Amino acid sequence: GRNYWYRYIEEILDRLGLTAEPVGRAVLADPA
């Protein structure tokens, strides 16, 4: 029953004119 506020990061980046790629948490520990 909670909002997931972080989802809005996609729209923020779009409004800034920035292209960004979503990555899963596993990438945080993946040097490559």
PDB file of all heavy atoms in Angstrom:
ATOM      1  N   GLY A   1       0.789  -1.222   0.000  1.00  0.00           N
ATOM      2  CA  GLY A   1       0.000   0.000   0.000  1.00  0.00           C
ATOM      3  C   GLY A   1       0.824   1.276   0.000  1.00  0.00           C
ATOM      4  O   GLY A   1       0.315   2.340   0.361  1.00  0.00           O
ATOM      5  N   ARG A   2       2.111   1.185  -0.442  1.00  0.00           N
ATOM      6  CA  ARG A   2       2.976   2.358  -0.444  1.00  0.00           C
ATOM      7  C   ARG A   2       3.313   2.757  -1.875  1.00  0.00           C
ATOM      8  O   ARG A   2       3.356   1.921  -2.775  1.00  0.00           O
ATOM      9  CB  ARG A   2       4.294   2.073   0.300  1.00  0.00           C
ATOM     10  CG  ARG A   2       4.117   1.645   1.750  1.00  0.00           C
ATOM     11  CD  ARG A   2       5.469   1.645   2.458  1.00  0.00           C
ATOM     12  NE  ARG A   2       6.482   0.887   1.731  1.00  0.00           N
ATOM     13  CZ  ARG A   2       6.696  -0.422   1.868  1.00  0.00           C
ATOM     14  NH1 ARG A   2       5.953  -1.116   2.715  1.00  0.00           N
ATOM     15  NH2 ARG A   2       7.639  -1.034   1.177  1.00  0.00           N
ATOM     16  N   ASN A   3       3.551   4.036  -2.064  1.00  0.00           N
ATOM     17  CA  ASN A   3       4.061   4.506  -3.338  1.00  0.00           C
ATOM     18  C   ASN A   3       5.532   4.103  -3.466  1.00  0.00           C
ATOM     19  O   ASN A   3       6.261   4.110  -2.476  1.00  0.00           O
ATOM     20  CB  ASN A   3       3.973   6.038  -3.425  1.00  0.00           C
ATOM     21  CG  ASN A   3       2.567   6.529  -3.670  1.00  0.00           C
ATOM     22  OD1 ASN A   3       1.824   5.929  -4.435  1.00  0.00           O
ATOM     23  ND2 ASN A   3       2.195   7.613  -3.024  1.00  0.00           N
ATOM     24  N   TYR A   4       5.935   3.781  -4.668  1.00  0.00           N
ATOM     25  CA  TYR A   4       7.359   3.523  -4.913  1.00  0.00           C
ATOM     26  C   TYR A   4       7.905   4.751  -5.610  1.00  0.00           C
ATOM     27  O   TYR A   4       7.946   4.837  -6.826  1.00  0.00           O
ATOM     28  CB  TYR A   4       7.546   2.272  -5.771  1.00  0.00           C
ATOM     29  CG  TYR A   4       9.000   1.861  -5.890  1.00  0.00           C
ATOM     30  CD1 TYR A   4       9.756   1.573  -4.758  1.00  0.00           C
ATOM     31  CD2 TYR A   4       9.626   1.775  -7.133  1.00  0.00           C
ATOM     32  CE1 TYR A   4      11.095   1.214  -4.860  1.00  0.00           C
ATOM     33  CE2 TYR A   4      10.958   1.403  -7.244  1.00  0.00           C
ATOM     34  CZ  TYR A   4      11.683   1.132  -6.093  1.00  0.00           C
ATOM     35  OH  TYR A   4      13.012   0.775  -6.183  1.00  0.00           O
ATOM     36  N   TRP A   5       8.335   5.733  -4.827  1.00  0.00           N
ATOM     37  CA  TRP A   5       8.700   7.045  -5.341  1.00  0.00           C
ATOM     38  C   TRP A   5       9.846   6.998  -6.342  1.00  0.00           C
ATOM     39  O   TRP A   5       9.905   7.826  -7.268  1.00  0.00           O
ATOM     40  CB  TRP A   5       9.064   7.957  -4.168  1.00  0.00           C
ATOM     41  CG  TRP A   5       7.962   8.126  -3.178  1.00  0.00           C
ATOM     42  CD1 TRP A   5       7.864   7.544  -1.940  1.00  0.00           C
ATOM     43  CD2 TRP A   5       6.789   8.918  -3.331  1.00  0.00           C
ATOM     44  NE1 TRP A   5       6.707   7.929  -1.316  1.00  0.00           N
ATOM     45  CE2 TRP A   5       6.025   8.771  -2.153  1.00  0.00           C
ATOM     46  CE3 TRP A   5       6.300   9.743  -4.343  1.00  0.00           C
ATOM     47  CZ2 TRP A   5       4.812   9.422  -1.964  1.00  0.00           C
ATOM     48  CZ3 TRP A   5       5.094  10.397  -4.167  1.00  0.00           C
ATOM     49  CH2 TRP A   5       4.368  10.230  -2.991  1.00  0.00           C
ATOM     50  N   TYR A   6      10.758   6.085  -6.157  1.00  0.00           N
ATOM     51  CA  TYR A   6      11.941   6.044  -7.010  1.00  0.00           C
ATOM     52  C   TYR A   6      11.580   5.801  -8.474  1.00  0.00           C
ATOM     53  O   TYR A   6      12.349   6.140  -9.372  1.00  0.00           O
ATOM     54  CB  TYR A   6      12.903   4.973  -6.500  1.00  0.00           C
ATOM     55  CG  TYR A   6      14.204   4.898  -7.264  1.00  0.00           C
ATOM     56  CD1 TYR A   6      15.107   5.959  -7.255  1.00  0.00           C
ATOM     57  CD2 TYR A   6      14.535   3.766  -7.999  1.00  0.00           C
ATOM     58  CE1 TYR A   6      16.300   5.894  -7.958  1.00  0.00           C
ATOM     59  CE2 TYR A   6      15.726   3.684  -8.699  1.00  0.00           C
ATOM     60  CZ  TYR A   6      16.603   4.750  -8.677  1.00  0.00           C
ATOM     61  OH  TYR A   6      17.779   4.670  -9.377  1.00  0.00           O
ATOM     62  N   ARG A   7      10.403   5.260  -8.721  1.00  0.00           N
ATOM     63  CA  ARG A   7       9.973   5.028 -10.112  1.00  0.00           C
ATOM     64  C   ARG A   7       9.988   6.343 -10.910  1.00  0.00           C
ATOM     65  O   ARG A   7      10.172   6.343 -12.135  1.00  0.00           O
ATOM     66  CB  ARG A   7       8.571   4.409 -10.110  1.00  0.00           C
ATOM     67  CG  ARG A   7       7.985   4.144 -11.498  1.00  0.00           C
ATOM     68  CD  ARG A   7       8.847   3.137 -12.261  1.00  0.00           C
ATOM     69  NE  ARG A   7       8.394   2.932 -13.612  1.00  0.00           N
ATOM     70  CZ  ARG A   7       7.603   1.936 -13.996  1.00  0.00           C
ATOM     71  NH1 ARG A   7       7.166   1.066 -13.099  1.00  0.00           N
ATOM     72  NH2 ARG A   7       7.234   1.788 -15.243  1.00  0.00           N
ATOM     73  N   TYR A   8       9.818   7.452 -10.198  1.00  0.00           N
ATOM     74  CA  TYR A   8       9.745   8.752 -10.865  1.00  0.00           C
ATOM     75  C   TYR A   8      11.091   9.197 -11.425  1.00  0.00           C
ATOM     76  O   TYR A   8      11.160  10.168 -12.178  1.00  0.00           O
ATOM     77  CB  TYR A   8       9.219   9.793  -9.866  1.00  0.00           C
ATOM     78  CG  TYR A   8       8.774  11.093 -10.483  1.00  0.00           C
ATOM     79  CD1 TYR A   8       7.790  11.112 -11.481  1.00  0.00           C
ATOM     80  CD2 TYR A   8       9.321  12.298 -10.090  1.00  0.00           C
ATOM     81  CE1 TYR A   8       7.385  12.306 -12.054  1.00  0.00           C
ATOM     82  CE2 TYR A   8       8.920  13.500 -10.647  1.00  0.00           C
ATOM     83  CZ  TYR A   8       7.948  13.497 -11.630  1.00  0.00           C
ATOM     84  OH  TYR A   8       7.551  14.686 -12.193  1.00  0.00           O
ATOM     85  N   ILE A   9      12.163   8.485 -11.093  1.00  0.00           N
ATOM     86  CA  ILE A   9      13.478   8.871 -11.596  1.00  0.00           C
ATOM     87  C   ILE A   9      13.504   8.854 -13.124  1.00  0.00           C
ATOM     88  O   ILE A   9      14.200   9.657 -13.752  1.00  0.00           O
ATOM     89  CB  ILE A   9      14.591   7.948 -11.018  1.00  0.00           C
ATOM     90  CG1 ILE A   9      15.990   8.524 -11.312  1.00  0.00           C
ATOM     91  CG2 ILE A   9      14.472   6.536 -11.559  1.00  0.00           C
ATOM     92  CD1 ILE A   9      16.270   9.838 -10.652  1.00  0.00           C
ATOM     93  N   GLU A  10      12.732   7.974 -13.728  1.00  0.00           N
ATOM     94  CA  GLU A  10      12.681   7.899 -15.189  1.00  0.00           C
ATOM     95  C   GLU A  10      12.172   9.216 -15.773  1.00  0.00           C
ATOM     96  O   GLU A  10      12.744   9.744 -16.738  1.00  0.00           O
ATOM     97  CB  GLU A  10      11.777   6.751 -15.626  1.00  0.00           C
ATOM     98  CG  GLU A  10      12.236   5.383 -15.174  1.00  0.00           C
ATOM     99  CD  GLU A  10      11.248   4.293 -15.549  1.00  0.00           C
ATOM    100  OE1 GLU A  10      10.269   4.597 -16.265  1.00  0.00           O
ATOM    101  OE2 GLU A  10      11.449   3.145 -15.135  1.00  0.00           O
ATOM    102  N   GLU A  11      11.103   9.760 -15.184  1.00  0.00           N
ATOM    103  CA  GLU A  11      10.538  11.006 -15.700  1.00  0.00           C
ATOM    104  C   GLU A  11      11.461  12.191 -15.421  1.00  0.00           C
ATOM    105  O   GLU A  11      11.584  13.101 -16.238  1.00  0.00           O
ATOM    106  CB  GLU A  11       9.160  11.265 -15.097  1.00  0.00           C
ATOM    107  CG  GLU A  11       8.473  12.474 -15.711  1.00  0.00           C
ATOM    108  CD  GLU A  11       7.010  12.586 -15.343  1.00  0.00           C
ATOM    109  OE1 GLU A  11       6.408  11.548 -14.969  1.00  0.00           O
ATOM    110  OE2 GLU A  11       6.465  13.696 -15.424  1.00  0.00           O
ATOM    111  N   ILE A  12      12.123  12.189 -14.267  1.00  0.00           N
ATOM    112  CA  ILE A  12      13.055  13.263 -13.951  1.00  0.00           C
ATOM    113  C   ILE A  12      14.166  13.322 -14.995  1.00  0.00           C
ATOM    114  O   ILE A  12      14.503  14.386 -15.525  1.00  0.00           O
ATOM    115  CB  ILE A  12      13.643  13.072 -12.547  1.00  0.00           C
ATOM    116  CG1 ILE A  12      12.562  13.257 -11.476  1.00  0.00           C
ATOM    117  CG2 ILE A  12      14.794  14.046 -12.301  1.00  0.00           C
ATOM    118  CD1 ILE A  12      13.025  12.919 -10.082  1.00  0.00           C
ATOM    119  N   LEU A  13      14.741  12.170 -15.292  1.00  0.00           N
ATOM    120  CA  LEU A  13      15.818  12.123 -16.281  1.00  0.00           C
ATOM    121  C   LEU A  13      15.321  12.563 -17.660  1.00  0.00           C
ATOM    122  O   LEU A  13      16.014  13.280 -18.384  1.00  0.00           O
ATOM    123  CB  LEU A  13      16.402  10.712 -16.350  1.00  0.00           C
ATOM    124  CG  LEU A  13      17.194  10.266 -15.113  1.00  0.00           C
ATOM    125  CD1 LEU A  13      17.442   8.763 -15.152  1.00  0.00           C
ATOM    126  CD2 LEU A  13      18.507  11.024 -15.017  1.00  0.00           C
ATOM    127  N   ASP A  14      14.102  12.150 -18.001  1.00  0.00           N
ATOM    128  CA  ASP A  14      13.531  12.524 -19.290  1.00  0.00           C
ATOM    129  C   ASP A  14      13.341  14.030 -19.374  1.00  0.00           C
ATOM    130  O   ASP A  14      13.636  14.654 -20.403  1.00  0.00           O
ATOM    131  CB  ASP A  14      12.195  11.799 -19.484  1.00  0.00           C
ATOM    132  CG  ASP A  14      11.596  12.072 -20.853  1.00  0.00           C
ATOM    133  OD1 ASP A  14      12.209  11.700 -21.866  1.00  0.00           O
ATOM    134  OD2 ASP A  14      10.500  12.674 -20.905  1.00  0.00           O
ATOM    135  N   ARG A  15      12.868  14.636 -18.296  1.00  0.00           N
ATOM    136  CA  ARG A  15      12.663  16.088 -18.292  1.00  0.00           C
ATOM    137  C   ARG A  15      13.980  16.845 -18.379  1.00  0.00           C
ATOM    138  O   ARG A  15      14.019  17.976 -18.871  1.00  0.00           O
ATOM    139  CB  ARG A  15      11.900  16.504 -17.028  1.00  0.00           C
ATOM    140  CG  ARG A  15      10.460  16.030 -17.016  1.00  0.00           C
ATOM    141  CD  ARG A  15       9.684  16.653 -15.892  1.00  0.00           C
ATOM    142  NE  ARG A  15       8.295  16.222 -15.892  1.00  0.00           N
ATOM    143  CZ  ARG A  15       7.321  16.866 -15.272  1.00  0.00           C
ATOM    144  NH1 ARG A  15       7.584  17.959 -14.590  1.00  0.00           N
ATOM    145  NH2 ARG A  15       6.081  16.408 -15.305  1.00  0.00           N
ATOM    146  N   LEU A  16      15.033  16.235 -17.883  1.00  0.00           N
ATOM    147  CA  LEU A  16      16.357  16.849 -17.982  1.00  0.00           C
ATOM    148  C   LEU A  16      16.999  16.623 -19.352  1.00  0.00           C
ATOM    149  O   LEU A  16      18.081  17.135 -19.626  1.00  0.00           O
ATOM    150  CB  LEU A  16      17.277  16.281 -16.890  1.00  0.00           C
ATOM    151  CG  LEU A  16      16.947  16.694 -15.456  1.00  0.00           C
ATOM    152  CD1 LEU A  16      17.800  15.895 -14.469  1.00  0.00           C
ATOM    153  CD2 LEU A  16      17.156  18.191 -15.251  1.00  0.00           C
ATOM    154  N   GLY A  17      16.318  15.848 -20.180  1.00  0.00           N
ATOM    155  CA  GLY A  17      16.855  15.566 -21.510  1.00  0.00           C
ATOM    156  C   GLY A  17      17.989  14.561 -21.494  1.00  0.00           C
ATOM    157  O   GLY A  17      18.817  14.542 -22.408  1.00  0.00           O
ATOM    158  N   LEU A  18      18.002  13.697 -20.464  1.00  0.00           N
ATOM    159  CA  LEU A  18      19.085  12.732 -20.320  1.00  0.00           C
ATOM    160  C   LEU A  18      18.606  11.327 -20.686  1.00  0.00           C
ATOM    161  O   LEU A  18      17.530  10.894 -20.255  1.00  0.00           O
ATOM    162  CB  LEU A  18      19.599  12.731 -18.879  1.00  0.00           C
ATOM    163  CG  LEU A  18      20.224  14.042 -18.398  1.00  0.00           C
ATOM    164  CD1 LEU A  18      20.534  13.955 -16.913  1.00  0.00           C
ATOM    165  CD2 LEU A  18      21.492  14.358 -19.189  1.00  0.00           C
ATOM    166  N   THR A  19      19.384  10.647 -21.455  1.00  0.00           N
ATOM    167  CA  THR A  19      19.103   9.253 -21.793  1.00  0.00           C
ATOM    168  C   THR A  19      19.814   8.364 -20.775  1.00  0.00           C
ATOM    169  O   THR A  19      21.008   8.524 -20.535  1.00  0.00           O
ATOM    170  CB  THR A  19      19.608   8.921 -23.204  1.00  0.00           C
ATOM    171  OG1 THR A  19      18.929   9.764 -24.153  1.00  0.00           O
ATOM    172  CG2 THR A  19      19.354   7.457 -23.543  1.00  0.00           C
ATOM    173  N   ALA A  20      19.071   7.457 -20.165  1.00  0.00           N
ATOM    174  CA  ALA A  20      19.653   6.589 -19.139  1.00  0.00           C
ATOM    175  C   ALA A  20      19.096   5.182 -19.285  1.00  0.00           C
ATOM    176  O   ALA A  20      17.994   4.975 -19.785  1.00  0.00           O
ATOM    177  CB  ALA A  20      19.358   7.129 -17.749  1.00  0.00           C
ATOM    178  N   GLU A  21      19.880   4.230 -18.833  1.00  0.00           N
ATOM    179  CA  GLU A  21      19.512   2.822 -18.941  1.00  0.00           C
ATOM    180  C   GLU A  21      19.242   2.236 -17.554  1.00  0.00           C
ATOM    181  O   GLU A  21      20.053   2.400 -16.647  1.00  0.00           O
ATOM    182  CB  GLU A  21      20.647   2.044 -19.606  1.00  0.00           C
ATOM    183  CG  GLU A  21      20.382   0.557 -19.767  1.00  0.00           C
ATOM    184  CD  GLU A  21      21.527  -0.154 -20.451  1.00  0.00           C
ATOM    185  OE1 GLU A  21      22.261   0.492 -21.226  1.00  0.00           O
ATOM    186  OE2 GLU A  21      21.697  -1.371 -20.194  1.00  0.00           O
ATOM    187  N   PRO A  22      18.105   1.545 -17.378  1.00  0.00           N
ATOM    188  CA  PRO A  22      17.872   0.884 -16.093  1.00  0.00           C
ATOM    189  C   PRO A  22      18.734  -0.365 -15.964  1.00  0.00           C
ATOM    190  O   PRO A  22      18.917  -1.105 -16.934  1.00  0.00           O
ATOM    191  CB  PRO A  22      16.382   0.523 -16.150  1.00  0.00           C
ATOM    192  CG  PRO A  22      16.090   0.379 -17.613  1.00  0.00           C
ATOM    193  CD  PRO A  22      16.977   1.372 -18.306  1.00  0.00           C
ATOM    194  N   VAL A  23      19.283  -0.579 -14.776  1.00  0.00           N
ATOM    195  CA  VAL A  23      20.083  -1.781 -14.519  1.00  0.00           C
ATOM    196  C   VAL A  23      19.629  -2.383 -13.182  1.00  0.00           C
ATOM    197  O   VAL A  23      19.208  -1.664 -12.278  1.00  0.00           O
ATOM    198  CB  VAL A  23      21.598  -1.473 -14.462  1.00  0.00           C
ATOM    199  CG1 VAL A  23      22.097  -1.001 -15.821  1.00  0.00           C
ATOM    200  CG2 VAL A  23      21.925  -0.442 -13.392  1.00  0.00           C
ATOM    201  N   GLY A  24      19.723  -3.689 -13.060  1.00  0.00           N
ATOM    202  CA  GLY A  24      19.337  -4.363 -11.834  1.00  0.00           C
ATOM    203  C   GLY A  24      20.377  -4.206 -10.735  1.00  0.00           C
ATOM    204  O   GLY A  24      21.520  -3.800 -10.985  1.00  0.00           O
ATOM    205  N   ARG A  25      19.999  -4.555  -9.513  1.00  0.00           N
ATOM    206  CA  ARG A  25      20.902  -4.412  -8.366  1.00  0.00           C
ATOM    207  C   ARG A  25      22.178  -5.229  -8.544  1.00  0.00           C
ATOM    208  O   ARG A  25      23.225  -4.858  -8.004  1.00  0.00           O
ATOM    209  CB  ARG A  25      20.191  -4.847  -7.073  1.00  0.00           C
ATOM    210  CG  ARG A  25      18.995  -4.007  -6.728  1.00  0.00           C
ATOM    211  CD  ARG A  25      18.511  -4.239  -5.312  1.00  0.00           C
ATOM    212  NE  ARG A  25      18.003  -5.565  -5.029  1.00  0.00           N
ATOM    213  CZ  ARG A  25      16.781  -5.983  -5.298  1.00  0.00           C
ATOM    214  NH1 ARG A  25      15.929  -5.191  -5.926  1.00  0.00           N
ATOM    215  NH2 ARG A  25      16.394  -7.206  -4.960  1.00  0.00           N
ATOM    216  N   ALA A  26      22.107  -6.328  -9.281  1.00  0.00           N
ATOM    217  CA  ALA A  26      23.286  -7.175  -9.459  1.00  0.00           C
ATOM    218  C   ALA A  26      24.448  -6.414 -10.080  1.00  0.00           C
ATOM    219  O   ALA A  26      25.613  -6.718  -9.813  1.00  0.00           O
ATOM    220  CB  ALA A  26      22.935  -8.392 -10.318  1.00  0.00           C
ATOM    221  N   VAL A  27      24.151  -5.398 -10.890  1.00  0.00           N
ATOM    222  CA  VAL A  27      25.214  -4.630 -11.550  1.00  0.00           C
ATOM    223  C   VAL A  27      26.073  -3.888 -10.524  1.00  0.00           C
ATOM    224  O   VAL A  27      27.251  -3.606 -10.783  1.00  0.00           O
ATOM    225  CB  VAL A  27      24.598  -3.639 -12.571  1.00  0.00           C
ATOM    226  CG1 VAL A  27      25.633  -2.650 -13.079  1.00  0.00           C
ATOM    227  CG2 VAL A  27      23.994  -4.405 -13.735  1.00  0.00           C
ATOM    228  N   LEU A  28      25.519  -3.574  -9.362  1.00  0.00           N
ATOM    229  CA  LEU A  28      26.261  -2.823  -8.350  1.00  0.00           C
ATOM    230  C   LEU A  28      27.503  -3.569  -7.869  1.00  0.00           C
ATOM    231  O   LEU A  28      28.431  -2.954  -7.347  1.00  0.00           O
ATOM    232  CB  LEU A  28      25.360  -2.506  -7.148  1.00  0.00           C
ATOM    233  CG  LEU A  28      24.079  -1.720  -7.446  1.00  0.00           C
ATOM    234  CD1 LEU A  28      23.327  -1.440  -6.148  1.00  0.00           C
ATOM    235  CD2 LEU A  28      24.383  -0.429  -8.183  1.00  0.00           C
ATOM    236  N   ALA A  29      27.521  -4.873  -8.047  1.00  0.00           N
ATOM    237  CA  ALA A  29      28.671  -5.675  -7.622  1.00  0.00           C
ATOM    238  C   ALA A  29      29.405  -6.287  -8.813  1.00  0.00           C
ATOM    239  O   ALA A  29      30.231  -7.183  -8.634  1.00  0.00           O
ATOM    240  CB  ALA A  29      28.209  -6.783  -6.675  1.00  0.00           C
ATOM    241  N   ASP A  30      29.112  -5.787 -10.005  1.00  0.00           N
ATOM    242  CA  ASP A  30      29.671  -6.355 -11.234  1.00  0.00           C
ATOM    243  C   ASP A  30      30.604  -5.342 -11.906  1.00  0.00           C
ATOM    244  O   ASP A  30      30.136  -4.411 -12.571  1.00  0.00           O
ATOM    245  CB  ASP A  30      28.532  -6.735 -12.179  1.00  0.00           C
ATOM    246  CG  ASP A  30      29.036  -7.281 -13.512  1.00  0.00           C
ATOM    247  OD1 ASP A  30      30.246  -7.542 -13.636  1.00  0.00           O
ATOM    248  OD2 ASP A  30      28.202  -7.436 -14.432  1.00  0.00           O
ATOM    249  N   PRO A  31      31.916  -5.471 -11.740  1.00  0.00           N
ATOM    250  CA  PRO A  31      32.843  -4.500 -12.336  1.00  0.00           C
ATOM    251  C   PRO A  31      32.662  -4.338 -13.844  1.00  0.00           C
ATOM    252  O   PRO A  31      32.736  -3.213 -14.357  1.00  0.00           O
ATOM    253  CB  PRO A  31      34.225  -5.085 -11.997  1.00  0.00           C
ATOM    254  CG  PRO A  31      33.990  -5.876 -10.742  1.00  0.00           C
ATOM    255  CD  PRO A  31      32.629  -6.477 -10.923  1.00  0.00           C
ATOM    256  N   ALA A  32      32.418  -5.418 -14.547  1.00  0.00           N
ATOM    257  CA  ALA A  32      32.250  -5.333 -16.002  1.00  0.00           C
ATOM    258  C   ALA A  32      30.976  -4.573 -16.358  1.00  0.00           C
ATOM    259  O   ALA A  32      30.945  -3.777 -17.306  1.00  0.00           O
ATOM    260  CB  ALA A  32      32.216  -6.732 -16.608  1.00  0.00           C
TER     261      ALA A  32
END
